Amino acid sequence: MTVRQPRYSKEEFAQRGDYIYETQIKPQLEAGNDGKIVAIDIETGDFEIDKSEIVACDRLETRHPDAQIWIVRIGSRHVRRFGGRTRRTA
């Protein structure tokens, strides 16, 4: 198994991933895909979407073995949540 090395700083990695998502992918995918995962190669702009993070990343890596992958959950600011949630009452 090849270990992929990051080619960008954490900041540049995040900036590239967010920029590609906001400008190229989000307008196409938002409607009807809430909660799904988008795996984005920040070098090519190519992406995969699936309800499973692993499946989306695996499909993208099949096409781009050396992909630098940024992950976004559609309709959320977070890919994962840690800790408990408080319920809102109306």
C-alpha atoms as a PDB file:
ATOM      1  CA  MET A   1       0.000   0.000   0.000  1.00  0.00           C
ATOM      2  CA  THR A   2       1.393   3.361  -1.012  1.00  0.00           C
ATOM      3  CA  VAL A   3       1.359   6.092   1.597  1.00  0.00           C
ATOM      4  CA  ARG A   4       0.216   9.350   0.048  1.00  0.00           C
ATOM      5  CA  GLN A   5       2.114  12.445   1.112  1.00  0.00           C
ATOM      6  CA  PRO A   6       0.381  15.820   1.290  1.00  0.00           C
ATOM      7  CA  ARG A   7       1.708  18.334  -1.222  1.00  0.00           C
ATOM      8  CA  TYR A   8       0.077  21.403   0.322  1.00  0.00           C
ATOM      9  CA  SER A   9      -0.075  23.076   3.707  1.00  0.00           C
ATOM     10  CA  LYS A  10      -3.229  22.414   5.727  1.00  0.00           C
ATOM     11  CA  GLU A  11      -4.439  25.929   4.978  1.00  0.00           C
ATOM     12  CA  GLU A  12      -3.913  25.695   1.225  1.00  0.00           C
ATOM     13  CA  PHE A  13      -5.441  22.205   1.170  1.00  0.00           C
ATOM     14  CA  ALA A  14      -8.604  23.513   2.872  1.00  0.00           C
ATOM     15  CA  GLN A  15      -8.751  26.655   0.716  1.00  0.00           C
ATOM     16  CA  ARG A  16      -8.472  24.672  -2.513  1.00  0.00           C
ATOM     17  CA  GLY A  17     -11.053  22.094  -1.413  1.00  0.00           C
ATOM     18  CA  ASP A  18     -13.570  24.675  -0.231  1.00  0.00           C
ATOM     19  CA  TYR A  19     -13.092  26.820  -3.333  1.00  0.00           C
ATOM     20  CA  ILE A  20     -13.691  23.893  -5.723  1.00  0.00           C
ATOM     21  CA  TYR A  21     -16.732  22.777  -3.738  1.00  0.00           C
ATOM     22  CA  GLU A  22     -18.320  26.236  -3.502  1.00  0.00           C
ATOM     23  CA  THR A  23     -17.685  27.321  -7.108  1.00  0.00           C
ATOM     24  CA  GLN A  24     -17.898  24.127  -9.163  1.00  0.00           C
ATOM     25  CA  ILE A  25     -19.654  21.353  -7.255  1.00  0.00           C
ATOM     26  CA  LYS A  26     -22.170  22.852  -4.825  1.00  0.00           C
ATOM     27  CA  PRO A  27     -24.345  24.492  -7.509  1.00  0.00           C
ATOM     28  CA  GLN A  28     -24.754  21.089  -9.221  1.00  0.00           C
ATOM     29  CA  LEU A  29     -25.324  18.851  -6.195  1.00  0.00           C
ATOM     30  CA  GLU A  30     -27.004  20.646  -3.287  1.00  0.00           C
ATOM     31  CA  ALA A  31     -30.634  19.857  -4.110  1.00  0.00           C
ATOM     32  CA  GLY A  32     -31.703  16.393  -2.991  1.00  0.00           C
ATOM     33  CA  ASN A  33     -28.287  15.295  -1.754  1.00  0.00           C
ATOM     34  CA  ASP A  34     -28.282  16.548   1.852  1.00  0.00           C
ATOM     35  CA  GLY A  35     -26.040  14.469   4.075  1.00  0.00           C
ATOM     36  CA  LYS A  36     -24.104  12.785   1.266  1.00  0.00           C
ATOM     37  CA  ILE A  37     -20.319  12.956   1.085  1.00  0.00           C
ATOM     38  CA  VAL A  38     -18.371  14.592  -1.733  1.00  0.00           C
ATOM     39  CA  ALA A  39     -14.749  13.484  -2.131  1.00  0.00           C
ATOM     40  CA  ILE A  40     -12.830  16.068  -4.193  1.00  0.00           C
ATOM     41  CA  ASP A  41      -9.381  15.781  -5.754  1.00  0.00           C
ATOM     42  CA  ILE A  42      -8.058  19.293  -5.110  1.00  0.00           C
ATOM     43  CA  GLU A  43      -5.613  19.057  -8.012  1.00  0.00           C
ATOM     44  CA  THR A  44      -7.976  17.973 -10.796  1.00  0.00           C
ATOM     45  CA  GLY A  45     -11.336  19.175  -9.447  1.00  0.00           C
ATOM     46  CA  ASP A  46     -12.730  15.703 -10.125  1.00  0.00           C
ATOM     47  CA  PHE A  47     -15.121  14.354  -7.477  1.00  0.00           C
ATOM     48  CA  GLU A  48     -17.271  11.462  -6.339  1.00  0.00           C
ATOM     49  CA  ILE A  49     -20.457  11.551  -4.290  1.00  0.00           C
ATOM     50  CA  ASP A  50     -21.868   8.822  -2.069  1.00  0.00           C
ATOM     51  CA  LYS A  51     -23.567   8.386   1.281  1.00  0.00           C
ATOM     52  CA  SER A  52     -20.383   6.574   2.405  1.00  0.00           C
ATOM     53  CA  GLU A  53     -17.129   8.486   2.825  1.00  0.00           C
ATOM     54  CA  ILE A  54     -15.095   5.341   2.130  1.00  0.00           C
ATOM     55  CA  VAL A  55     -16.979   4.458  -1.060  1.00  0.00           C
ATOM     56  CA  ALA A  56     -16.677   7.998  -2.450  1.00  0.00           C
ATOM     57  CA  CYS A  57     -12.928   8.120  -1.684  1.00  0.00           C
ATOM     58  CA  ASP A  58     -12.306   4.630  -3.089  1.00  0.00           C
ATOM     59  CA  ARG A  59     -14.031   5.466  -6.382  1.00  0.00           C
ATOM     60  CA  LEU A  60     -12.059   8.710  -6.684  1.00  0.00           C
ATOM     61  CA  GLU A  61      -8.774   6.931  -5.904  1.00  0.00           C
ATOM     62  CA  THR A  62      -9.550   4.317  -8.558  1.00  0.00           C
ATOM     63  CA  ARG A  63      -9.600   7.070 -11.180  1.00  0.00           C
ATOM     64  CA  HIS A  64      -6.848   9.199  -9.587  1.00  0.00           C
ATOM     65  CA  PRO A  65      -4.504   6.987  -7.537  1.00  0.00           C
ATOM     66  CA  ASP A  66      -2.468   9.961  -6.309  1.00  0.00           C
ATOM     67  CA  ALA A  67      -5.473  12.178  -5.509  1.00  0.00           C
ATOM     68  CA  GLN A  68      -5.237  14.831  -2.809  1.00  0.00           C
ATOM     69  CA  ILE A  69      -8.731  14.336  -1.347  1.00  0.00           C
ATOM     70  CA  TRP A  70     -10.842  16.967   0.429  1.00  0.00           C
ATOM     71  CA  ILE A  71     -14.145  15.748   1.882  1.00  0.00           C
ATOM     72  CA  VAL A  72     -17.363  17.738   2.311  1.00  0.00           C
ATOM     73  CA  ARG A  73     -20.776  16.693   3.649  1.00  0.00           C
ATOM     74  CA  ILE A  74     -23.499  18.324   1.554  1.00  0.00           C
ATOM     75  CA  GLY A  75     -25.667  20.690   3.557  1.00  0.00           C
ATOM     76  CA  SER A  76     -23.393  20.680   6.623  1.00  0.00           C
ATOM     77  CA  ARG A  77     -20.379  22.595   7.869  1.00  0.00           C
ATOM     78  CA  HIS A  78     -19.002  19.358   9.350  1.00  0.00           C
ATOM     79  CA  VAL A  79     -18.158  15.971   7.885  1.00  0.00           C
ATOM     80  CA  ARG A  80     -18.407  14.342  11.339  1.00  0.00           C
ATOM     81  CA  ARG A  81     -19.693  15.378  14.746  1.00  0.00           C
ATOM     82  CA  PHE A  82     -18.061  14.500  18.037  1.00  0.00           C
ATOM     83  CA  GLY A  83     -19.830  14.625  21.375  1.00  0.00           C
ATOM     84  CA  GLY A  84     -23.472  14.899  22.254  1.00  0.00           C
ATOM     85  CA  ARG A  85     -26.115  17.060  20.738  1.00  0.00           C
ATOM     86  CA  THR A  86     -28.592  19.164  22.588  1.00  0.00           C
ATOM     87  CA  ARG A  87     -32.167  19.011  21.418  1.00  0.00           C
ATOM     88  CA  ARG A  88     -33.893  22.194  20.501  1.00  0.00           C
ATOM     89  CA  THR A  89     -37.432  22.614  21.660  1.00  0.00           C
ATOM     90  CA  ALA A  90     -39.815  24.994  20.019  1.00  0.00           C
END
